[in-house]
Each structure stands twice: as structure tokens, then as C-alpha cells.
Amino acid sequence: MKHAVVAMDTFFHGASPGYPLRTRLEMMKAAGFDAGYFTIWPTPAADAERQQLAATAQAVGLDIAAVYSAIDLAEGHDACLRRGEASARNL
């Protein structure tokens, strides 16, 4: 049984300067990780990255182990469900 070494991307969310998605994935791969846990925030920039995540991870040779998505409860229940469904479809 192969065991994957998995990284969580939370370090990059507080890192300054911010790194582009491909750079972050390349850094994870270069550090020896096989896969990543990714966090998607409810912002337009994060939505754009979410749409690129699967293709970029594949190009870099990194598996996606999980994706965590934050929601804004102030948007209301239906809006949160629509955002979650859209996120899942676009991976």
C-alpha cells in the first residue's frame, strides 16, 4: 500500500507576498508532497483559482486530497448551497 505525503495549503493564505496558484503547487511538489488539501475562500479571486485547481494540480503532478470551502452564512442558506454546488461542479 502506497502512503501519500499530503500538505495543507493554509501557510500560503497568510504568506506575504501572495504566490500564484501554480507557484504554490510547484512549491508543494518540490518539497516532496504527493497531494494537497486546499482551502477555497468565498472571494472572486478564490473562485478563479478554484476553476484552475484541477488542471493546474494535474500539470504539476500533485493530487487533490480534499478541498475545504468557507461559506458566508450572512448570504443565507440557499446562497451557501448554490456556492457549494458550484464549487463541486467546477473541480
C-alpha atoms as a PDB file:
ATOM      1  CA  MET A   1       0.000   0.000   0.000  1.00  0.00           C
ATOM      2  CA  LYS A   2       1.357   3.390  -1.020  1.00  0.00           C
ATOM      3  CA  HIS A   3       1.086   6.163   1.546  1.00  0.00           C
ATOM      4  CA  ALA A   4       0.860   9.704   0.223  1.00  0.00           C
ATOM      5  CA  VAL A   5       2.519  12.651   1.913  1.00  0.00           C
ATOM      6  CA  VAL A   6      -0.111  15.405   1.951  1.00  0.00           C
ATOM      7  CA  ALA A   7       0.293  19.148   2.575  1.00  0.00           C
ATOM      8  CA  MET A   8      -2.369  21.645   3.593  1.00  0.00           C
ATOM      9  CA  ASP A   9      -2.190  24.994   1.824  1.00  0.00           C
ATOM     10  CA  THR A  10      -3.042  27.171   4.839  1.00  0.00           C
ATOM     11  CA  PHE A  11       0.515  28.524   5.115  1.00  0.00           C
ATOM     12  CA  PHE A  12       0.088  30.267   1.781  1.00  0.00           C
ATOM     13  CA  HIS A  13      -3.017  32.152   2.893  1.00  0.00           C
ATOM     14  CA  GLY A  14      -1.014  34.177   5.409  1.00  0.00           C
ATOM     15  CA  ALA A  15       2.188  34.327   3.400  1.00  0.00           C
ATOM     16  CA  SER A  16       3.374  37.627   2.071  1.00  0.00           C
ATOM     17  CA  PRO A  17       3.795  38.162  -0.779  1.00  0.00           C
ATOM     18  CA  GLY A  18       0.941  36.041  -2.100  1.00  0.00           C
ATOM     19  CA  TYR A  19       2.060  33.430  -4.591  1.00  0.00           C
ATOM     20  CA  PRO A  20       0.121  32.491  -7.747  1.00  0.00           C
ATOM     21  CA  LEU A  21      -1.675  29.137  -7.673  1.00  0.00           C
ATOM     22  CA  ARG A  22       0.791  27.333  -9.947  1.00  0.00           C
ATOM     23  CA  THR A  23       3.759  28.578  -7.900  1.00  0.00           C
ATOM     24  CA  ARG A  24       2.181  27.340  -4.659  1.00  0.00           C
ATOM     25  CA  LEU A  25       1.513  23.907  -6.158  1.00  0.00           C
ATOM     26  CA  GLU A  26       5.026  23.690  -7.609  1.00  0.00           C
ATOM     27  CA  MET A  27       6.486  24.563  -4.191  1.00  0.00           C
ATOM     28  CA  MET A  28       4.420  21.812  -2.545  1.00  0.00           C
ATOM     29  CA  LYS A  29       5.558  19.289  -5.156  1.00  0.00           C
ATOM     30  CA  ALA A  30       9.207  20.390  -4.888  1.00  0.00           C
ATOM     31  CA  ALA A  31       9.033  19.968  -1.104  1.00  0.00           C
ATOM     32  CA  GLY A  32       8.174  16.300  -1.696  1.00  0.00           C
ATOM     33  CA  PHE A  33       4.412  16.269  -1.204  1.00  0.00           C
ATOM     34  CA  ASP A  34       2.255  13.900  -3.259  1.00  0.00           C
ATOM     35  CA  ALA A  35      -1.070  15.664  -2.690  1.00  0.00           C
ATOM     36  CA  GLY A  36      -2.627  18.693  -1.082  1.00  0.00           C
ATOM     37  CA  TYR A  37      -5.586  19.778   0.998  1.00  0.00           C
ATOM     38  CA  PHE A  38      -6.827  23.058  -0.445  1.00  0.00           C
ATOM     39  CA  THR A  39      -8.874  25.865   1.068  1.00  0.00           C
ATOM     40  CA  ILE A  40     -11.160  27.957  -1.121  1.00  0.00           C
ATOM     41  CA  TRP A  41     -12.396  31.253   0.327  1.00  0.00           C
ATOM     42  CA  PRO A  42     -15.618  32.944  -0.872  1.00  0.00           C
ATOM     43  CA  THR A  43     -13.915  35.673  -2.933  1.00  0.00           C
ATOM     44  CA  PRO A  44     -13.762  36.351  -6.678  1.00  0.00           C
ATOM     45  CA  ALA A  45     -10.003  35.638  -6.727  1.00  0.00           C
ATOM     46  CA  ALA A  46     -10.522  32.285  -4.978  1.00  0.00           C
ATOM     47  CA  ASP A  47     -13.355  31.424  -7.373  1.00  0.00           C
ATOM     48  CA  ALA A  48     -10.957  31.922 -10.287  1.00  0.00           C
ATOM     49  CA  GLU A  49      -8.349  29.688  -8.615  1.00  0.00           C
ATOM     50  CA  ARG A  50     -10.964  27.022  -7.905  1.00  0.00           C
ATOM     51  CA  GLN A  51     -11.694  26.809 -11.627  1.00  0.00           C
ATOM     52  CA  GLN A  52      -7.970  26.315 -12.354  1.00  0.00           C
ATOM     53  CA  LEU A  53      -7.134  23.989  -9.450  1.00  0.00           C
ATOM     54  CA  ALA A  54      -7.715  20.562 -11.016  1.00  0.00           C
ATOM     55  CA  ALA A  55      -5.892  21.300 -14.287  1.00  0.00           C
ATOM     56  CA  THR A  56      -3.005  23.082 -12.565  1.00  0.00           C
ATOM     57  CA  ALA A  57      -2.543  20.327  -9.959  1.00  0.00           C
ATOM     58  CA  GLN A  58      -2.511  17.701 -12.709  1.00  0.00           C
ATOM     59  CA  ALA A  59       0.035  19.695 -14.730  1.00  0.00           C
ATOM     60  CA  VAL A  60       2.324  19.937 -11.688  1.00  0.00           C
ATOM     61  CA  GLY A  61       1.843  16.256 -10.752  1.00  0.00           C
ATOM     62  CA  LEU A  62       0.075  16.903  -7.447  1.00  0.00           C
ATOM     63  CA  ASP A  63      -3.099  15.076  -6.402  1.00  0.00           C
ATOM     64  CA  ILE A  64      -6.008  16.864  -4.734  1.00  0.00           C
ATOM     65  CA  ALA A  65      -6.738  15.050  -1.460  1.00  0.00           C
ATOM     66  CA  ALA A  66      -9.505  17.400  -0.313  1.00  0.00           C
ATOM     67  CA  VAL A  67     -10.941  20.856  -0.839  1.00  0.00           C
ATOM     68  CA  TYR A  68     -12.300  22.896   2.039  1.00  0.00           C
ATOM     69  CA  SER A  69     -14.653  25.738   1.207  1.00  0.00           C
ATOM     70  CA  ALA A  70     -15.559  28.580   3.535  1.00  0.00           C
ATOM     71  CA  ILE A  71     -19.068  29.955   3.361  1.00  0.00           C
ATOM     72  CA  ASP A  72     -20.573  33.271   4.370  1.00  0.00           C
ATOM     73  CA  LEU A  73     -23.634  32.499   6.476  1.00  0.00           C
ATOM     74  CA  ALA A  74     -24.812  36.082   6.030  1.00  0.00           C
ATOM     75  CA  GLU A  75     -25.567  35.184   2.396  1.00  0.00           C
ATOM     76  CA  GLY A  76     -28.346  32.912   3.593  1.00  0.00           C
ATOM     77  CA  HIS A  77     -28.905  29.179   3.368  1.00  0.00           C
ATOM     78  CA  ASP A  78     -29.839  28.978  -0.332  1.00  0.00           C
ATOM     79  CA  ALA A  79     -26.903  31.129  -1.451  1.00  0.00           C
ATOM     80  CA  CYS A  80     -24.488  28.949   0.548  1.00  0.00           C
ATOM     81  CA  LEU A  81     -25.901  25.793  -1.053  1.00  0.00           C
ATOM     82  CA  ARG A  82     -25.607  27.263  -4.558  1.00  0.00           C
ATOM     83  CA  ARG A  83     -21.993  28.300  -3.923  1.00  0.00           C
ATOM     84  CA  GLY A  84     -21.106  24.835  -2.600  1.00  0.00           C
ATOM     85  CA  GLU A  85     -22.737  23.104  -5.544  1.00  0.00           C
ATOM     86  CA  ALA A  86     -20.958  25.401  -7.998  1.00  0.00           C
ATOM     87  CA  SER A  87     -17.633  24.737  -6.278  1.00  0.00           C
ATOM     88  CA  ALA A  88     -18.061  20.984  -6.533  1.00  0.00           C
ATOM     89  CA  ARG A  89     -19.038  21.146 -10.227  1.00  0.00           C
ATOM     90  CA  ASN A  90     -16.007  23.244 -11.140  1.00  0.00           C
ATOM     91  CA  LEU A  91     -13.330  20.952  -9.705  1.00  0.00           C
END
